Amino acid sequence: MREKASRKACTLLLTGRIPYAEAWQLQQELAAARRNGSGQDTLLLVEHLPVYTMGRSGSKTNIKVSDEILLSEGLEVIEVDRGGDVTYHGPGQLVGYPILDLRGYKQDLHCYSEMLEEVIIRTLAQYGIKGFRETGLTGVWTDRGKIAAIGIGARGWVTTHGFALNVDPDMSYFGLINPCGITNRPVVSMRGLGVDISLEEVGKKLLEQFADVFSIELSVSNQGGFETGTVSRYGGLLR
């Protein structure tokens, strides 16, 4: 572990539960500021209202119900510029959007994706869950299925999108899609694996691992009018 003095600075924004479109707009603003030099590296940590997002390689054939059913359930499908196919976001899922200038790290998107996976793997290990990578697939897996999705975007080496860890979401929403376009592998949550833990507590552990893997020092900001505090008070800030 690097000494704090040698770590890069990174701002932490905790928004609580917000619509996906609002978080996406915030990502775009933060990324634009980072590219033009007026912003800094930022980790946006959120929880979403129920929504499906479709990546660049996505196909609507991986949505197993009609538009009418989605509409009746109040579910949007939002097309975005990340990699990957369709996935679900909703309450009980810890979602992170790092806005990082990779010129300050390693200019390799595959390496960056693996670093995000490593953050999740180390976080799960804190709760006795063995997470691992699958050759040819993204995300973090367990012996009972996929527990975290990774989908990234980058422009000018500044990243957007990120990771989603299933802590305790309503898993029935995944049944309406082929998550990430995969038809023969289940999706699981920490709760489904027997770990009954709050999103806030998992968030604390994840922030520690993120700071360690990326060798950064996190500081909480009130940018955009969001709540502020120290990382040690994280549990009181997420919701």
C-alpha atoms as a PDB file:
ATOM      1  CA  MET A   1       0.000   0.000   0.000  1.00  0.00           C
ATOM      2  CA  ARG A   2       1.383   3.402  -0.981  1.00  0.00           C
ATOM      3  CA  GLU A   3       1.840   6.154   1.558  1.00  0.00           C
ATOM      4  CA  LYS A   4      -0.898   8.788   1.398  1.00  0.00           C
ATOM      5  CA  ALA A   5       1.572  11.492   0.378  1.00  0.00           C
ATOM      6  CA  SER A   6       2.286   9.689  -2.905  1.00  0.00           C
ATOM      7  CA  ARG A   7      -1.340   9.040  -3.774  1.00  0.00           C
ATOM      8  CA  LYS A   8      -3.315  10.943  -6.403  1.00  0.00           C
ATOM      9  CA  ALA A   9      -6.208  13.144  -5.310  1.00  0.00           C
ATOM     10  CA  CYS A  10      -9.730  12.035  -6.195  1.00  0.00           C
ATOM     11  CA  THR A  11     -13.019  13.665  -5.281  1.00  0.00           C
ATOM     12  CA  LEU A  12     -15.864  11.484  -4.004  1.00  0.00           C
ATOM     13  CA  LEU A  13     -19.436  12.486  -4.858  1.00  0.00           C
ATOM     14  CA  LEU A  14     -22.245  10.673  -3.022  1.00  0.00           C
ATOM     15  CA  THR A  15     -25.610  11.443  -4.585  1.00  0.00           C
ATOM     16  CA  GLY A  16     -27.903   8.975  -2.894  1.00  0.00           C
ATOM     17  CA  ARG A  17     -30.688   7.404  -4.958  1.00  0.00           C
ATOM     18  CA  ILE A  18     -31.171   9.271  -8.225  1.00  0.00           C
ATOM     19  CA  PRO A  19     -32.584   8.596 -11.709  1.00  0.00           C
ATOM     20  CA  TYR A  20     -30.100   7.187 -14.202  1.00  0.00           C
ATOM     21  CA  ALA A  21     -30.481  10.124 -16.599  1.00  0.00           C
ATOM     22  CA  GLU A  22     -29.473  12.559 -13.859  1.00  0.00           C
ATOM     23  CA  ALA A  23     -26.337  10.562 -13.056  1.00  0.00           C
ATOM     24  CA  TRP A  24     -25.475  10.283 -16.756  1.00  0.00           C
ATOM     25  CA  GLN A  25     -25.774  14.050 -17.200  1.00  0.00           C
ATOM     26  CA  LEU A  26     -23.520  14.576 -14.193  1.00  0.00           C
ATOM     27  CA  GLN A  27     -20.964  12.127 -15.590  1.00  0.00           C
ATOM     28  CA  GLN A  28     -20.872  14.003 -18.886  1.00  0.00           C
ATOM     29  CA  GLU A  29     -20.351  17.336 -17.146  1.00  0.00           C
ATOM     30  CA  LEU A  30     -17.603  15.971 -14.907  1.00  0.00           C
ATOM     31  CA  ALA A  31     -15.857  14.255 -17.824  1.00  0.00           C
ATOM     32  CA  ALA A  32     -15.965  17.391 -19.978  1.00  0.00           C
ATOM     33  CA  ALA A  33     -14.446  19.406 -17.134  1.00  0.00           C
ATOM     34  CA  ARG A  34     -11.746  16.773 -16.640  1.00  0.00           C
ATOM     35  CA  ARG A  35     -10.852  16.821 -20.335  1.00  0.00           C
ATOM     36  CA  ASN A  36     -10.570  20.615 -20.527  1.00  0.00           C
ATOM     37  CA  GLY A  37      -8.508  20.812 -17.352  1.00  0.00           C
ATOM     38  CA  SER A  38     -11.044  22.577 -15.152  1.00  0.00           C
ATOM     39  CA  GLY A  39     -12.082  19.429 -13.266  1.00  0.00           C
ATOM     40  CA  GLN A  40     -10.362  16.669 -11.364  1.00  0.00           C
ATOM     41  CA  ASP A  41     -10.546  12.909 -10.987  1.00  0.00           C
ATOM     42  CA  THR A  42     -13.866  12.006  -9.389  1.00  0.00           C
ATOM     43  CA  LEU A  43     -15.653   8.892  -8.180  1.00  0.00           C
ATOM     44  CA  LEU A  44     -19.412   9.234  -8.403  1.00  0.00           C
ATOM     45  CA  LEU A  45     -21.103   6.663  -6.141  1.00  0.00           C
ATOM     46  CA  VAL A  46     -24.854   6.248  -6.575  1.00  0.00           C
ATOM     47  CA  GLU A  47     -27.924   4.089  -6.213  1.00  0.00           C
ATOM     48  CA  HIS A  48     -30.472   4.182  -9.033  1.00  0.00           C
ATOM     49  CA  LEU A  49     -34.193   4.012  -9.442  1.00  0.00           C
ATOM     50  CA  PRO A  50     -35.153   0.926 -11.540  1.00  0.00           C
ATOM     51  CA  VAL A  51     -33.906   1.247 -15.128  1.00  0.00           C
ATOM     52  CA  TYR A  52     -32.366  -0.755 -17.946  1.00  0.00           C
ATOM     53  CA  THR A  53     -29.391   0.589 -19.894  1.00  0.00           C
ATOM     54  CA  MET A  54     -28.196  -0.602 -23.284  1.00  0.00           C
ATOM     55  CA  GLY A  55     -24.519  -0.389 -24.256  1.00  0.00           C
ATOM     56  CA  ARG A  56     -22.981   0.112 -27.690  1.00  0.00           C
ATOM     57  CA  SER A  57     -23.000  -3.596 -28.566  1.00  0.00           C
ATOM     58  CA  GLY A  58     -26.480  -4.163 -27.161  1.00  0.00           C
ATOM     59  CA  SER A  59     -29.421  -5.791 -28.898  1.00  0.00           C
ATOM     60  CA  LYS A  60     -33.083  -5.319 -28.056  1.00  0.00           C
ATOM     61  CA  THR A  61     -33.507  -9.051 -28.570  1.00  0.00           C
ATOM     62  CA  ASN A  62     -31.958  -9.350 -25.107  1.00  0.00           C
ATOM     63  CA  ILE A  63     -35.005  -7.633 -23.616  1.00  0.00           C
ATOM     64  CA  LYS A  64     -37.462 -10.477 -23.139  1.00  0.00           C
ATOM     65  CA  VAL A  65     -40.661  -8.471 -22.713  1.00  0.00           C
ATOM     66  CA  SER A  66     -42.551  -6.012 -24.891  1.00  0.00           C
ATOM     67  CA  ASP A  67     -42.324  -2.244 -24.762  1.00  0.00           C
ATOM     68  CA  GLU A  68     -45.894  -2.247 -23.461  1.00  0.00           C
ATOM     69  CA  ILE A  69     -44.939  -4.364 -20.458  1.00  0.00           C
ATOM     70  CA  LEU A  70     -41.936  -2.158 -19.736  1.00  0.00           C
ATOM     71  CA  LEU A  71     -44.156   0.910 -19.934  1.00  0.00           C
ATOM     72  CA  SER A  72     -46.743  -0.620 -17.617  1.00  0.00           C
ATOM     73  CA  GLU A  73     -43.986  -1.291 -15.079  1.00  0.00           C
ATOM     74  CA  GLY A  74     -42.599   2.223 -15.433  1.00  0.00           C
ATOM     75  CA  LEU A  75     -39.278   0.914 -16.762  1.00  0.00           C
ATOM     76  CA  GLU A  76     -37.123   2.843 -19.215  1.00  0.00           C
ATOM     77  CA  VAL A  77     -34.479   1.429 -21.542  1.00  0.00           C
ATOM     78  CA  ILE A  78     -31.766   4.068 -21.969  1.00  0.00           C
ATOM     79  CA  GLU A  79     -29.147   3.702 -24.706  1.00  0.00           C
ATOM     80  CA  VAL A  80     -25.696   4.821 -23.575  1.00  0.00           C
ATOM     81  CA  ASP A  81     -22.143   4.937 -24.931  1.00  0.00           C
ATOM     82  CA  ARG A  82     -20.534   2.346 -22.672  1.00  0.00           C
ATOM     83  CA  GLY A  83     -19.355  -1.049 -23.780  1.00  0.00           C
ATOM     84  CA  GLY A  84     -21.530  -4.105 -23.345  1.00  0.00           C
ATOM     85  CA  ASP A  85     -25.180  -5.030 -23.761  1.00  0.00           C
ATOM     86  CA  VAL A  86     -28.279  -4.532 -21.617  1.00  0.00           C
ATOM     87  CA  THR A  87     -28.156  -4.463 -17.828  1.00  0.00           C
ATOM     88  CA  TYR A  88     -30.374  -3.486 -14.924  1.00  0.00           C
ATOM     89  CA  HIS A  89     -29.792  -0.834 -12.268  1.00  0.00           C
ATOM     90  CA  GLY A  90     -31.950  -0.300  -9.221  1.00  0.00           C
ATOM     91  CA  PRO A  91     -32.220   0.044  -5.448  1.00  0.00           C
ATOM     92  CA  GLY A  92     -29.948  -2.302  -3.529  1.00  0.00           C
ATOM     93  CA  GLN A  93     -27.211  -2.089  -6.146  1.00  0.00           C
ATOM     94  CA  LEU A  94     -24.016  -0.139  -5.495  1.00  0.00           C
ATOM     95  CA  VAL A  95     -23.021   1.720  -8.660  1.00  0.00           C
ATOM     96  CA  GLY A  96     -19.768   3.581  -9.211  1.00  0.00           C
ATOM     97  CA  TYR A  97     -18.813   5.920 -12.042  1.00  0.00           C
ATOM     98  CA  PRO A  98     -15.108   6.843 -11.925  1.00  0.00           C
ATOM     99  CA  ILE A  99     -14.303   9.953 -13.963  1.00  0.00           C
ATOM    100  CA  LEU A 100     -10.554   9.465 -14.261  1.00  0.00           C
ATOM    101  CA  ASP A 101      -7.933  10.827 -16.643  1.00  0.00           C
ATOM    102  CA  LEU A 102      -6.076   7.625 -17.459  1.00  0.00           C
ATOM    103  CA  ARG A 103      -3.053   9.614 -18.580  1.00  0.00           C
ATOM    104  CA  GLY A 104      -2.333   9.823 -14.861  1.00  0.00           C
ATOM    105  CA  TYR A 105      -2.631   6.058 -14.460  1.00  0.00           C
ATOM    106  CA  LYS A 106      -2.115   3.532 -17.266  1.00  0.00           C
ATOM    107  CA  GLN A 107      -3.438   4.318 -20.733  1.00  0.00           C
ATOM    108  CA  ASP A 108      -4.962   0.889 -21.247  1.00  0.00           C
ATOM    109  CA  LEU A 109      -8.736   0.384 -21.097  1.00  0.00           C
ATOM    110  CA  HIS A 110      -8.431  -3.372 -20.605  1.00  0.00           C
ATOM    111  CA  CYS A 111      -6.136  -2.808 -17.637  1.00  0.00           C
ATOM    112  CA  TYR A 112      -8.547  -0.196 -16.277  1.00  0.00           C
ATOM    113  CA  SER A 113     -11.471  -2.616 -16.552  1.00  0.00           C
ATOM    114  CA  GLU A 114      -9.475  -5.251 -14.685  1.00  0.00           C
ATOM    115  CA  MET A 115      -8.671  -2.725 -11.946  1.00  0.00           C
ATOM    116  CA  LEU A 116     -12.390  -2.116 -11.446  1.00  0.00           C
ATOM    117  CA  GLU A 117     -12.924  -5.865 -11.273  1.00  0.00           C
ATOM    118  CA  GLU A 118     -10.140  -6.083  -8.704  1.00  0.00           C
ATOM    119  CA  VAL A 119     -11.895  -3.494  -6.528  1.00  0.00           C
ATOM    120  CA  ILE A 120     -15.025  -5.670  -6.517  1.00  0.00           C
ATOM    121  CA  ILE A 121     -13.119  -8.916  -5.944  1.00  0.00           C
ATOM    122  CA  ARG A 122     -11.324  -7.440  -2.924  1.00  0.00           C
ATOM    123  CA  THR A 123     -14.552  -5.983  -1.550  1.00  0.00           C
ATOM    124  CA  LEU A 124     -16.349  -9.330  -1.800  1.00  0.00           C
ATOM    125  CA  ALA A 125     -13.440 -11.051  -0.064  1.00  0.00           C
ATOM    126  CA  GLN A 126     -14.137  -8.888   2.997  1.00  0.00           C
ATOM    127  CA  TYR A 127     -17.416 -10.810   3.326  1.00  0.00           C
ATOM    128  CA  GLY A 128     -16.103 -14.272   2.570  1.00  0.00           C
ATOM    129  CA  ILE A 129     -17.327 -14.288  -1.033  1.00  0.00           C
ATOM    130  CA  LYS A 130     -14.878 -15.586  -3.620  1.00  0.00           C
ATOM    131  CA  GLY A 131     -15.197 -13.400  -6.691  1.00  0.00           C
ATOM    132  CA  PHE A 132     -13.250 -14.026  -9.866  1.00  0.00           C
ATOM    133  CA  ARG A 133     -12.891 -13.119 -13.540  1.00  0.00           C
ATOM    134  CA  GLU A 134     -14.127 -15.284 -16.405  1.00  0.00           C
ATOM    135  CA  THR A 135     -11.977 -15.534 -19.524  1.00  0.00           C
ATOM    136  CA  GLY A 136     -13.585 -13.680 -22.407  1.00  0.00           C
ATOM    137  CA  LEU A 137     -16.225 -12.035 -20.211  1.00  0.00           C
ATOM    138  CA  THR A 138     -16.325  -8.824 -18.203  1.00  0.00           C
ATOM    139  CA  GLY A 139     -17.515  -8.344 -14.660  1.00  0.00           C
ATOM    140  CA  VAL A 140     -17.025 -10.303 -11.472  1.00  0.00           C
ATOM    141  CA  TRP A 141     -18.324 -13.823 -11.045  1.00  0.00           C
ATOM    142  CA  THR A 142     -18.950 -16.308  -8.263  1.00  0.00           C
ATOM    143  CA  ASP A 143     -19.467 -20.040  -8.436  1.00  0.00           C
ATOM    144  CA  ARG A 144     -23.219 -19.327  -8.482  1.00  0.00           C
ATOM    145  CA  GLY A 145     -23.289 -16.577 -11.088  1.00  0.00           C
ATOM    146  CA  LYS A 146     -22.381 -13.014 -11.978  1.00  0.00           C
ATOM    147  CA  ILE A 147     -22.440 -10.598  -9.061  1.00  0.00           C
ATOM    148  CA  ALA A 148     -21.061  -7.388 -10.595  1.00  0.00           C
ATOM    149  CA  ALA A 149     -21.195  -5.823 -14.043  1.00  0.00           C
ATOM    150  CA  ILE A 150     -18.475  -3.680 -15.601  1.00  0.00           C
ATOM    151  CA  GLY A 151     -19.168  -1.361 -18.512  1.00  0.00           C
ATOM    152  CA  ILE A 152     -16.852   1.512 -19.357  1.00  0.00           C
ATOM    153  CA  GLY A 153     -16.563   4.398 -21.754  1.00  0.00           C
ATOM    154  CA  ALA A 154     -13.701   6.795 -22.452  1.00  0.00           C
ATOM    155  CA  ARG A 155     -13.029   9.880 -24.531  1.00  0.00           C
ATOM    156  CA  GLY A 156      -9.671  11.609 -24.581  1.00  0.00           C
ATOM    157  CA  TRP A 157      -8.555   9.033 -21.994  1.00  0.00           C
ATOM    158  CA  VAL A 158     -11.158  10.328 -19.525  1.00  0.00           C
ATOM    159  CA  THR A 159     -13.424   7.538 -18.326  1.00  0.00           C
ATOM    160  CA  THR A 160     -17.176   7.361 -17.797  1.00  0.00           C
ATOM    161  CA  HIS A 161     -19.582   4.621 -16.682  1.00  0.00           C
ATOM    162  CA  GLY A 162     -18.075   1.948 -14.422  1.00  0.00           C
ATOM    163  CA  PHE A 163     -19.340  -0.856 -12.180  1.00  0.00           C
ATOM    164  CA  ALA A 164     -22.511  -2.151 -10.526  1.00  0.00           C
ATOM    165  CA  LEU A 165     -22.342  -4.522  -7.548  1.00  0.00           C
ATOM    166  CA  ASN A 166     -25.460  -6.465  -6.587  1.00  0.00           C
ATOM    167  CA  VAL A 167     -25.754  -6.106  -2.829  1.00  0.00           C
ATOM    168  CA  ASP A 168     -29.481  -6.634  -2.265  1.00  0.00           C
ATOM    169  CA  PRO A 169     -31.471  -5.594  -5.359  1.00  0.00           C
ATOM    170  CA  ASP A 170     -34.824  -7.025  -6.441  1.00  0.00           C
ATOM    171  CA  MET A 171     -33.451  -9.799  -8.637  1.00  0.00           C
ATOM    172  CA  SER A 172     -36.731 -10.271 -10.518  1.00  0.00           C
ATOM    173  CA  TYR A 173     -35.836  -7.343 -12.782  1.00  0.00           C
ATOM    174  CA  PHE A 174     -32.952  -9.360 -14.218  1.00  0.00           C
ATOM    175  CA  GLY A 175     -35.478 -11.969 -15.321  1.00  0.00           C
ATOM    176  CA  LEU A 176     -36.881  -9.581 -17.934  1.00  0.00           C
ATOM    177  CA  ILE A 177     -33.564  -9.415 -19.812  1.00  0.00           C
ATOM    178  CA  ASN A 178     -30.560 -11.458 -20.846  1.00  0.00           C
ATOM    179  CA  PRO A 179     -28.120  -9.562 -18.604  1.00  0.00           C
ATOM    180  CA  CYS A 180     -25.115  -8.372 -20.617  1.00  0.00           C
ATOM    181  CA  GLY A 181     -26.445 -10.483 -23.496  1.00  0.00           C
ATOM    182  CA  ILE A 182     -25.648 -13.733 -21.677  1.00  0.00           C
ATOM    183  CA  THR A 183     -28.398 -16.336 -21.788  1.00  0.00           C
ATOM    184  CA  ASN A 184     -26.922 -19.297 -19.928  1.00  0.00           C
ATOM    185  CA  ARG A 185     -25.472 -17.815 -16.737  1.00  0.00           C
ATOM    186  CA  PRO A 186     -27.416 -16.600 -13.681  1.00  0.00           C
ATOM    187  CA  VAL A 187     -27.043 -13.284 -11.880  1.00  0.00           C
ATOM    188  CA  VAL A 188     -26.632 -13.299  -8.097  1.00  0.00           C
ATOM    189  CA  SER A 189     -26.448 -10.848  -5.206  1.00  0.00           C
ATOM    190  CA  MET A 190     -24.527 -10.721  -1.954  1.00  0.00           C
ATOM    191  CA  ARG A 191     -27.765 -11.315  -0.086  1.00  0.00           C
ATOM    192  CA  GLY A 192     -28.522 -14.308  -2.298  1.00  0.00           C
ATOM    193  CA  LEU A 193     -25.151 -15.730  -1.298  1.00  0.00           C
ATOM    194  CA  GLY A 194     -26.056 -15.439   2.372  1.00  0.00           C
ATOM    195  CA  VAL A 195     -24.486 -12.071   3.200  1.00  0.00           C
ATOM    196  CA  ASP A 196     -27.106  -9.813   4.781  1.00  0.00           C
ATOM    197  CA  ILE A 197     -25.378  -6.445   4.768  1.00  0.00           C
ATOM    198  CA  SER A 198     -26.427  -2.865   4.082  1.00  0.00           C
ATOM    199  CA  LEU A 199     -25.460  -0.968   0.970  1.00  0.00           C
ATOM    200  CA  GLU A 200     -23.783   1.599   3.205  1.00  0.00           C
ATOM    201  CA  GLU A 201     -21.523  -0.938   4.883  1.00  0.00           C
ATOM    202  CA  VAL A 202     -20.474  -2.454   1.564  1.00  0.00           C
ATOM    203  CA  GLY A 203     -19.838   1.069   0.294  1.00  0.00           C
ATOM    204  CA  LYS A 204     -17.357   1.723   3.078  1.00  0.00           C
ATOM    205  CA  LYS A 205     -15.367  -1.392   2.207  1.00  0.00           C
ATOM    206  CA  LEU A 206     -15.531  -0.687  -1.509  1.00  0.00           C
ATOM    207  CA  LEU A 207     -14.188   2.840  -1.079  1.00  0.00           C
ATOM    208  CA  GLU A 208     -11.225   1.487   0.862  1.00  0.00           C
ATOM    209  CA  GLN A 209     -10.448  -1.009  -1.885  1.00  0.00           C
ATOM    210  CA  PHE A 210     -10.937   1.552  -4.662  1.00  0.00           C
ATOM    211  CA  ALA A 211      -8.492   3.922  -2.984  1.00  0.00           C
ATOM    212  CA  ASP A 212      -5.960   1.123  -2.577  1.00  0.00           C
ATOM    213  CA  VAL A 213      -6.215  -0.362  -6.090  1.00  0.00           C
ATOM    214  CA  PHE A 214      -5.970   3.046  -7.780  1.00  0.00           C
ATOM    215  CA  SER A 215      -3.514   4.511  -5.238  1.00  0.00           C
ATOM    216  CA  ILE A 216      -5.684   7.545  -4.603  1.00  0.00           C
ATOM    217  CA  GLU A 217      -6.732   9.678  -1.665  1.00  0.00           C
ATOM    218  CA  LEU A 218     -10.492  10.258  -1.611  1.00  0.00           C
ATOM    219  CA  SER A 219     -11.982  13.509  -0.356  1.00  0.00           C
ATOM    220  CA  VAL A 220     -15.717  14.208  -0.241  1.00  0.00           C
ATOM    221  CA  SER A 221     -17.061  17.235  -2.105  1.00  0.00           C
ATOM    222  CA  ASN A 222     -20.297  19.191  -1.995  1.00  0.00           C
ATOM    223  CA  GLN A 223     -20.177  19.843  -5.757  1.00  0.00           C
ATOM    224  CA  GLY A 224     -23.661  20.092  -7.200  1.00  0.00           C
ATOM    225  CA  GLY A 225     -25.199  20.632  -3.791  1.00  0.00           C
ATOM    226  CA  PHE A 226     -24.851  17.011  -2.692  1.00  0.00           C
ATOM    227  CA  GLU A 227     -24.362  16.081   0.928  1.00  0.00           C
ATOM    228  CA  THR A 228     -20.866  16.290   2.326  1.00  0.00           C
ATOM    229  CA  GLY A 229     -18.840  14.600   4.995  1.00  0.00           C
ATOM    230  CA  THR A 230     -15.836  12.406   5.495  1.00  0.00           C
ATOM    231  CA  VAL A 231     -15.426   8.945   4.050  1.00  0.00           C
ATOM    232  CA  SER A 232     -15.725   7.539   7.577  1.00  0.00           C
ATOM    233  CA  ARG A 233     -19.262   8.961   7.649  1.00  0.00           C
ATOM    234  CA  TYR A 234     -20.126   7.286   4.365  1.00  0.00           C
ATOM    235  CA  GLY A 235     -22.941   5.213   5.811  1.00  0.00           C
ATOM    236  CA  GLY A 236     -24.880   8.349   6.660  1.00  0.00           C
ATOM    237  CA  LEU A 237     -24.497   9.862   3.218  1.00  0.00           C
ATOM    238  CA  LEU A 238     -25.565   7.289   0.654  1.00  0.00           C
ATOM    239  CA  ARG A 239     -29.329   7.384   1.110  1.00  0.00           C
END
